[in-house]
Structure formats: structure tokens, C-alpha cells
Protein backbone atom coordinates (compact mmCIF):
# COMPACT_ATOMS: atom_id res chain seq x y z
CA MET A 1 6.62 17.87 4.34
CA PRO A 2 5.33 19.05 7.84
CA ASP A 3 7.86 21.96 8.00
CA GLU A 4 10.59 22.94 5.80
CA THR A 5 13.44 21.19 7.77
CA PHE A 6 12.03 18.26 9.83
CA TYR A 7 10.35 15.28 9.26
CA TYR A 8 8.82 13.18 12.21
CA ARG A 9 8.93 9.22 12.53
CA PRO A 10 6.68 8.11 15.38
CA LEU A 11 8.64 4.76 17.07
CA VAL A 12 5.36 2.68 17.23
CA GLN A 13 4.76 0.30 19.75
CA THR A 14 2.35 -2.26 20.66
CA GLY A 15 1.04 -4.45 24.50
CA PRO A 16 -1.33 -4.20 26.38
CA THR A 17 0.42 -1.77 28.72
CA ARG A 18 0.53 1.67 27.82
CA PRO A 19 2.56 4.45 29.72
CA ASP A 20 0.41 8.10 31.03
CA GLY A 21 0.57 10.24 27.86
CA ALA A 22 1.04 7.54 25.20
CA LEU A 23 -0.77 8.47 22.10
CA GLU A 24 -2.36 6.06 19.93
CA LEU A 25 -1.39 6.06 15.90
CA ALA A 26 -3.92 6.86 13.19
CA GLY A 27 -6.88 5.93 15.45
CA GLY A 28 -5.43 2.48 15.42
CA TRP A 29 -3.83 -0.37 17.16
CA THR A 30 0.07 1.26 18.12
CA TRP A 31 1.20 3.55 20.29
CA PHE A 32 3.88 6.23 20.76
CA THR A 33 5.26 8.45 23.16
CA HIS A 34 8.21 9.64 21.02
CA VAL A 35 8.93 10.26 17.58
CA GLU A 36 12.50 10.42 15.57
CA ARG A 37 13.15 13.58 14.24
CA LEU A 38 14.96 13.82 10.89
CA ALA A 39 16.16 16.10 8.47
CA ARG A 40 18.46 16.04 5.46
CA ASP A 41 21.34 18.10 7.18
CA GLN A 42 21.07 17.07 10.32
CA ALA A 43 21.95 13.67 12.45
CA ALA A 44 18.92 12.24 13.86
CA GLN A 45 16.82 13.12 17.18
CA ILE A 46 14.50 11.04 19.18
CA MET A 47 12.22 13.39 21.18
CA PRO A 48 9.32 13.23 22.91
CA ALA A 49 5.91 13.59 20.62
CA LYS A 50 4.20 16.13 22.66
CA ASP A 51 7.20 18.34 22.01
CA ILE A 52 6.27 18.39 17.95
CA PRO A 53 4.72 20.77 16.24
CA PRO A 54 0.61 20.68 16.54
CA HIS A 55 0.37 19.95 13.15
CA ALA A 56 2.72 17.37 13.05
CA LEU A 57 1.07 15.71 15.71
CA SER A 58 -2.30 16.04 14.60
CA ARG A 59 -1.40 14.41 11.29
CA LEU A 60 -0.02 11.49 13.07
CA THR A 61 -2.27 11.00 15.90
CA GLN A 62 -6.19 11.67 13.75
CA PRO A 63 -8.01 8.51 12.88
CA ARG A 64 -8.16 7.39 9.35
CA ALA A 65 -11.45 7.49 7.16
CA GLN A 66 -12.84 4.76 5.90
CA ILE A 67 -11.57 3.83 2.32
CA ALA A 68 -14.10 1.80 0.38
CA GLY A 69 -15.91 0.47 3.15
CA LEU A 70 -12.36 -0.54 4.39
CA ASP A 71 -11.93 0.64 8.50
CA MET A 72 -7.79 1.75 8.50
CA GLY A 73 -8.46 1.51 12.28
CA GLN A 74 -7.71 -2.41 11.61
CA VAL A 75 -5.36 -4.25 8.97
CA SER A 76 -7.08 -5.22 5.76
CA LEU A 77 -5.71 -7.43 3.30
CA MET A 78 -5.97 -6.59 -0.30
CA GLY A 79 -5.75 -9.83 -2.56
CA ILE A 80 -3.60 -9.85 -5.78
CA LEU A 81 -5.47 -10.35 -8.84
CA ASN A 82 -3.28 -10.29 -12.22
CA VAL A 83 -5.56 -11.03 -15.49
CA THR A 84 -2.07 -10.83 -17.46
CA PRO A 85 0.35 -13.03 -18.77
CA ASP A 86 3.80 -11.63 -17.44
CA SER A 87 3.49 -10.82 -13.99
CA PHE A 88 6.56 -11.70 -12.16
CA SER A 89 5.19 -14.30 -10.10
CA ASP A 90 1.40 -15.87 -11.50
CA GLY A 91 1.70 -14.40 -14.81
CA GLY A 92 -0.98 -15.89 -17.00
CA LYS A 93 -2.40 -18.22 -14.33
CA PHE A 94 -6.02 -15.98 -14.09
CA ILE A 95 -5.61 -14.99 -17.77
CA ALA A 96 -8.80 -16.68 -18.47
CA PRO A 97 -12.28 -14.73 -17.37
CA GLN A 98 -13.43 -17.70 -15.17
CA ALA A 99 -9.95 -18.53 -13.62
CA ALA A 100 -9.94 -14.85 -12.58
CA ILE A 101 -13.71 -14.86 -11.08
CA ASP A 102 -13.21 -18.19 -8.70
CA HIS A 103 -9.46 -16.87 -8.02
CA ALA A 104 -10.88 -13.29 -6.63
CA LEU A 105 -13.82 -15.52 -5.17
CA THR A 106 -11.52 -17.45 -3.53
CA MET A 107 -9.59 -14.91 -1.91
CA CYS A 108 -12.68 -13.33 -0.44
CA GLU A 109 -13.73 -16.47 0.83
CA ALA A 110 -10.26 -16.38 2.52
CA GLY A 111 -10.78 -13.51 3.63
CA ALA A 112 -9.71 -10.72 1.54
CA ASP A 113 -11.19 -7.42 1.89
CA MET A 114 -10.50 -6.18 -1.32
CA ILE A 115 -9.50 -7.62 -4.48
CA ASP A 116 -7.16 -5.65 -6.57
CA ILE A 117 -7.12 -5.81 -10.28
CA GLY A 118 -4.79 -5.41 -12.84
CA GLY A 119 -4.29 -6.05 -16.63
CA GLU A 120 -0.79 -4.87 -17.01
CA SER A 121 2.09 -6.11 -15.58
CA THR A 122 4.28 -3.74 -13.82
CA ARG A 123 7.37 -6.08 -12.98
CA PRO A 124 11.10 -5.02 -14.09
CA GLY A 125 11.44 -4.96 -17.53
CA ALA A 126 7.45 -5.58 -18.40
CA ALA A 127 6.43 -3.94 -21.35
CA TYR A 128 3.87 -1.10 -22.29
CA VAL A 129 0.44 -2.19 -22.57
CA ASP A 130 -2.33 -0.45 -25.04
CA PRO A 131 -4.89 0.96 -22.96
CA LEU A 132 -7.73 -0.71 -24.88
CA ASP A 133 -6.16 -3.88 -24.47
CA GLU A 134 -6.07 -3.51 -20.59
CA ILE A 135 -9.54 -2.64 -20.52
CA ASN A 136 -10.35 -5.37 -22.21
CA ARG A 137 -8.34 -7.44 -19.59
CA THR A 138 -9.78 -5.46 -16.45
CA ALA A 139 -13.65 -4.17 -16.85
CA PRO A 140 -15.05 -7.27 -18.13
CA ILE A 141 -13.48 -9.12 -14.93
CA ILE A 142 -14.55 -6.76 -12.54
CA ARG A 143 -18.11 -6.26 -13.92
CA ALA A 144 -18.78 -9.96 -13.64
CA ILE A 145 -17.40 -9.92 -9.93
CA ARG A 146 -19.27 -7.45 -9.36
CA ASP A 147 -22.27 -9.37 -10.67
CA VAL A 148 -21.92 -11.95 -7.72
CA SER A 149 -19.76 -9.99 -4.84
CA ALA A 150 -19.84 -6.67 -2.78
CA VAL A 151 -16.13 -7.18 -2.07
CA PRO A 152 -14.40 -3.83 -2.66
CA MET A 153 -12.03 -3.87 -5.70
CA SER A 154 -9.35 -1.56 -6.50
CA ILE A 155 -8.14 -1.01 -10.31
CA ASP A 156 -4.30 -1.16 -10.35
CA THR A 157 -3.57 0.97 -13.54
CA ARG A 158 -2.16 3.91 -14.19
CA LYS A 159 -3.90 4.97 -17.04
CA ALA A 160 -7.12 7.53 -16.80
CA ASP A 161 -9.32 5.33 -19.56
CA VAL A 162 -8.41 2.29 -18.24
CA ALA A 163 -9.99 3.69 -14.50
CA ASP A 164 -12.92 5.05 -16.08
CA HIS A 165 -13.76 1.92 -17.22
CA ALA A 166 -12.85 0.16 -14.11
CA VAL A 167 -14.81 2.14 -12.10
CA GLN A 168 -18.27 2.46 -14.52
CA ALA A 169 -17.62 -1.56 -13.91
CA GLY A 170 -18.24 -1.35 -10.07
CA ALA A 171 -13.89 -0.85 -9.32
CA THR A 172 -14.15 1.35 -5.53
CA LEU A 173 -10.49 2.61 -5.72
CA ILE A 174 -7.73 3.56 -7.75
CA ASN A 175 -4.28 2.26 -7.51
CA ASP A 176 -2.25 4.27 -9.50
CA VAL A 177 1.72 3.10 -9.22
CA TYR A 178 2.76 6.40 -10.62
CA ALA A 179 1.12 8.43 -8.63
CA PHE A 180 -0.43 10.59 -11.52
CA THR A 181 2.96 11.20 -12.88
CA HIS A 182 2.43 9.01 -16.18
CA ASP A 183 -1.01 10.27 -16.59
CA PRO A 184 -2.56 13.37 -15.55
CA ASP A 185 -5.95 12.94 -16.43
CA LEU A 186 -6.15 9.97 -14.00
CA ALA A 187 -6.89 12.72 -11.17
CA LYS A 188 -9.73 13.61 -13.14
CA VAL A 189 -11.21 10.26 -13.34
CA ALA A 190 -10.64 9.83 -9.59
CA ALA A 191 -12.14 13.30 -8.59
CA GLN A 192 -14.91 13.69 -10.53
CA SER A 193 -15.73 9.34 -10.26
CA ARG A 194 -15.40 10.63 -6.36
CA VAL A 195 -13.39 7.32 -5.72
CA PRO A 196 -10.43 6.67 -3.36
CA VAL A 197 -7.13 6.58 -4.81
CA CYS A 198 -3.96 4.67 -3.61
CA LEU A 199 -0.52 7.00 -4.94
CA MET A 200 2.91 5.04 -5.22
CA HIS A 201 6.42 5.87 -5.43
CA ALA A 202 7.85 4.55 -8.32
CA GLN A 203 11.22 5.54 -9.50
CA GLY A 204 11.44 4.85 -13.49
CA ASP A 205 9.15 2.94 -16.40
CA PRO A 206 9.22 -0.76 -15.59
CA GLU A 207 11.43 -1.22 -18.46
CA VAL A 208 14.34 0.51 -16.97
CA MET A 209 13.30 1.14 -13.28
CA GLN A 210 15.51 -1.41 -11.72
CA ASP A 211 18.67 -0.54 -14.26
CA ASN A 212 20.54 2.11 -11.48
CA PRO A 213 17.92 3.80 -9.30
CA ALA A 214 20.04 5.84 -7.22
CA TYR A 215 18.19 8.70 -4.19
CA LYS A 216 19.86 10.93 -2.26
CA ASN A 217 18.39 9.63 0.94
CA VAL A 218 15.66 7.13 -0.87
CA LEU A 219 13.41 7.40 2.75
CA LEU A 220 13.11 11.32 2.44
CA ASP A 221 12.84 11.11 -1.40
CA VAL A 222 9.67 9.19 -1.37
CA TYR A 223 8.41 10.70 1.51
CA ASP A 224 8.79 14.20 -0.30
CA PHE A 225 7.34 13.10 -3.74
CA LEU A 226 4.19 11.52 -1.93
CA ASP A 227 3.41 14.97 -0.14
CA ALA A 228 3.63 16.62 -3.58
CA ARG A 229 1.37 14.04 -5.50
CA ILE A 230 -1.08 14.53 -2.44
CA LYS A 231 -1.02 17.63 -2.70
CA LEU A 232 -1.78 17.21 -6.63
CA ALA A 233 -4.36 15.44 -6.07
CA GLU A 234 -5.85 17.85 -3.71
CA ALA A 235 -5.59 20.67 -5.85
CA ALA A 236 -7.92 17.75 -8.38
CA GLY A 237 -10.98 17.85 -5.79
CA ILE A 238 -9.29 14.20 -3.96
CA PRO A 239 -9.76 14.83 -0.25
CA ARG A 240 -6.85 13.82 1.90
CA ASP A 241 -8.84 11.41 3.78
CA GLN A 242 -9.48 9.18 0.64
CA ILE A 243 -5.97 8.97 -0.20
CA MET A 244 -3.24 5.66 0.42
CA VAL A 245 -0.28 6.00 -0.02
CA ASP A 246 2.43 3.46 -0.98
CA PRO A 247 6.25 3.71 -0.56
CA GLY A 248 6.60 0.96 -3.65
CA ILE A 249 8.92 -1.09 -2.51
CA GLY A 250 10.78 -3.35 -5.01
CA PHE A 251 9.89 -0.19 -7.82
CA GLY A 252 13.16 1.68 -8.87
CA LYS A 253 14.93 0.23 -5.38
CA THR A 254 17.77 -1.52 -4.29
CA VAL A 255 17.47 -4.24 -1.35
CA ALA A 256 19.31 -1.78 0.44
CA HIS A 257 16.96 0.81 -0.31
CA ASN A 258 13.54 -1.17 0.69
CA LEU A 259 15.10 -1.78 3.70
CA GLU A 260 15.86 1.83 4.55
CA ILE A 261 11.84 2.43 3.72
CA LEU A 262 10.30 -1.20 5.81
CA SER A 263 11.95 -0.03 8.75
CA ARG A 264 11.32 3.69 8.92
CA ILE A 265 7.73 2.75 7.07
CA SER A 266 5.94 4.59 10.00
CA LEU A 267 7.55 7.68 8.63
CA PHE A 268 4.57 7.98 6.39
CA HIS A 269 1.75 7.81 8.66
CA SER A 270 3.09 11.47 8.97
CA LEU A 271 1.39 12.80 5.18
CA GLY A 272 -1.71 12.07 7.35
CA CYS A 273 -2.84 9.18 5.06
CA ALA A 274 -3.36 5.40 5.21
CA ILE A 275 -0.53 3.39 4.16
CA LEU A 276 -0.32 0.52 1.88
CA LEU A 277 2.45 -2.03 2.01
CA GLY A 278 3.02 -4.60 -1.12
CA ALA A 279 6.13 -6.52 -0.73
CA SER A 280 4.08 -9.93 -1.37
CA ARG A 281 7.11 -12.44 -3.22
CA LYS A 282 8.71 -9.65 -4.33
CA ARG A 283 12.47 -10.51 -5.35
CA PHE A 284 14.33 -8.20 -2.34
CA ILE A 285 12.87 -11.42 -0.23
CA GLY A 286 13.94 -14.40 -2.78
CA ALA A 287 17.35 -12.22 -2.18
CA ILE A 288 17.72 -12.18 1.51
CA GLY A 289 15.92 -15.36 2.01
CA GLN A 290 18.03 -16.85 -0.51
CA GLU A 291 14.48 -18.70 -2.60
CA PRO A 292 14.49 -17.62 -6.70
CA ASP A 293 11.13 -19.10 -6.88
CA ALA A 294 8.55 -16.18 -6.69
CA ILE A 295 6.13 -18.96 -5.28
CA GLN A 296 7.86 -20.36 -2.54
CA ARG A 297 8.40 -16.97 -1.23
CA LEU A 298 5.23 -16.99 1.76
CA GLY A 299 7.95 -17.32 4.70
CA GLY A 300 9.44 -13.84 3.91
CA SER A 301 6.50 -12.50 2.37
CA ILE A 302 4.22 -13.16 6.09
CA ALA A 303 7.48 -11.40 7.93
CA VAL A 304 8.14 -8.62 5.94
CA ALA A 305 4.17 -7.62 6.02
CA LEU A 306 3.43 -8.02 9.89
CA GLN A 307 6.95 -5.84 10.34
CA GLY A 308 4.59 -3.43 8.52
CA VAL A 309 2.09 -3.95 10.75
CA ALA A 310 3.69 -3.76 13.68
CA GLN A 311 4.18 -0.12 12.28
CA GLY A 312 0.90 0.66 12.10
CA VAL A 313 0.59 -0.01 8.09
CA GLN A 314 -3.23 -0.37 7.60
CA VAL A 315 -3.67 -2.57 3.97
CA LEU A 316 -1.24 -5.49 2.81
CA ARG A 317 -1.27 -6.03 -0.18
CA VAL A 318 -0.51 -9.64 -0.89
CA HIS A 319 -0.77 -13.01 -2.98
CA ASP A 320 -1.67 -15.32 -0.36
CA ILE A 321 -4.79 -14.06 1.79
CA LYS A 322 -5.17 -17.50 3.87
CA GLN A 323 -1.43 -17.69 4.91
CA THR A 324 -1.40 -14.08 5.68
CA LYS A 325 -4.70 -14.27 7.68
CA GLN A 326 -4.11 -16.46 10.02
CA ALA A 327 -0.11 -15.21 10.77
CA LEU A 328 -1.70 -11.58 11.23
CA ALA A 329 -4.37 -13.43 13.69
CA LEU A 330 -1.83 -14.47 15.71
CA TRP A 331 0.30 -11.72 15.66
CA LEU A 332 -2.46 -9.35 16.99
CA ALA A 333 -3.59 -12.00 19.46
CA ALA A 334 0.24 -12.13 20.85
CA SER A 335 0.55 -8.54 20.61
CA SER A 336 -2.39 -7.61 22.51
CA GLY A 337 -2.60 -10.49 24.61
CA GLU A 338 -6.33 -10.97 23.60
CA TYR A 339 -8.34 -12.99 21.74
CA ASN A 340 -12.67 -12.43 21.75
CA ASP A 341 -13.36 -16.60 21.18
CA VAL A 342 -11.18 -17.75 23.96
CA PRO A 343 -12.97 -19.01 26.65
């Protein structure tokens, strides 16, 4: 964390008019003048941003470097491609190679900036997949997409061998939902391959993670976990500016836990890394929006995505690229009062 006691959450704002002294958040489209200072044993306090420690302020204001060719000064859309028989929303729909390739290209045409390819479902209750089976599901698809497209691709895996084969096939980012806790060798693969990583928080394996998730303070517990995993990744040779963080919405978390993180997700900018938000179609959206069918959760998914964007989240991992891109374009235009194509 920035220091031994306090955590600093920027109170993020948007809009065409900024007061004197407003600070740009992470080189992006939002700004802030104040922060919420959090602590485990003290009440939260609002204070001017200029009064926080210089190293903490630098983490918040330093522009983020490009990751896998994506500009972290703007919002990027990561399209989800599950080549699995049992993913919670679209399991089996893209298990056939040509269906997977066609869907990836369709997402690119709709505006996806990156395709995230996974061969093991991590939905609550999902079973473990043998690494060889996962490799056979993902590496050929990545190679086939790379043969016809230069789109950045990430491999969604917790296993070193799967990631290694994926990178050789053309993947440009490793997205580990267990942040190198499942397979420590995955950090070595990333460092040796010189590809960026996304480190996500999850409590428990998929088989049991929703049984009874518990935290002392979910926001700060997730922050401390990610802080420790970033340091481990740096020690393995992965630069901090090539690390994205994901607080892991729905991974070992109740509805209340998810909402606590979403309402204060700007805290994670204090890690000095780009933030990825993956909430598309998840169960808590169905619970709050009273929609049991995951495919019918588009409205709720977009609402959560835009809440993240309003707090400076740089990458949205979503199923519905076209609709999310439209919503994002309108939100950005309405927030800034500008749109370059308007006469």
C-alpha cells in the first residue's frame, strides 16, 4: 500500500470544466481535487489531494503506459471468447473452432480492442480442466485468429503451460484470475516472454469460491492482495507499468462485497496500474436487476461498466461489444460535451 496506515482513493470527476489545481487521473479522461483517506482502524477522511504523500500522489497522476498496444489513456474494450462447454453465459456456443474464430472477428468488427480467450470456465462451481485439454482448446484458436488479424489477444488462464503455448501462438497478454497464486511458474512465463499481465483477485477455487466468502474489509483486503501480487510480479521481472489489476467482481464475493468494490473502485488507481473491470452478465447483476437469464443482463452490464468508466477504469471486459461501445461513446460525449464528428 502507499504507506503502512493509509489508503488514498481519488474522488473522481468528469466534465468540461475543471477547477484550478485539478489533477488528471492516470493520464486519462477524469480528474480529481480531493481524495478519501481510508484506514482499517480510523474513520474515512476527505482531504485535498495536494496534502497526501508525494509518492501516493505520483501513483495517481502518472500516465499509464501502453499495454499490449492499447492506449491506457482511454477506455478499451476486451471481448470475451469462451472456448469452453460450461461457461456461465455462453458455454458451448463457441467450442467449435470456426465458431470461435468467427465470433472473435465479429467482435473486432464491432469495435473490440482486444480478445480474451479462455479454455477453462471459472464460474462458481466449475470443475478443474487438465492443462493439455486447455491448451488444445485455446492455442489453435489463437493461432488461427493471429493468421488473419493483428488484434491484441489475451489468454485467460491460471496455468503456466497454457500461457506459454498461447503466447507462442500469438497471445499478447496473460490474464490470470488467480494472480500467480495457483501456478507460481506463470510469473516466470510472463517475464521470460516479456508480455504484460492482468492480475485478478479471487477468494477460493471456482468449485467453492461462492460457498461463504468473508473478509475483514473487502475493499482493503482486495487492495492488499493485489499490492502483494504486483510486488511478486515485479520481483519476477515484470515491470509495474505492464501490469493491469482486476478486483475480481463475483470471484468469492457476495452482492454486498461486489457493490463495496464497485462504489470505490477508484482506490485501485493508487496501485499505479491500469484497472480492468469484468462484470459483464454476472450473477449479482441478475440479483439486483431481477433477471435470471444471463444473456438478458445487457442493461445492467452496461450500467456497471459506465460506473467503472466514471471512476477512470481503463479496460472493460465484456460480452456485448457493439452495445457497450455505443453506450461508451454516448457517455463520453455527454460527459465532455464534445464529439468530433458533430458539425
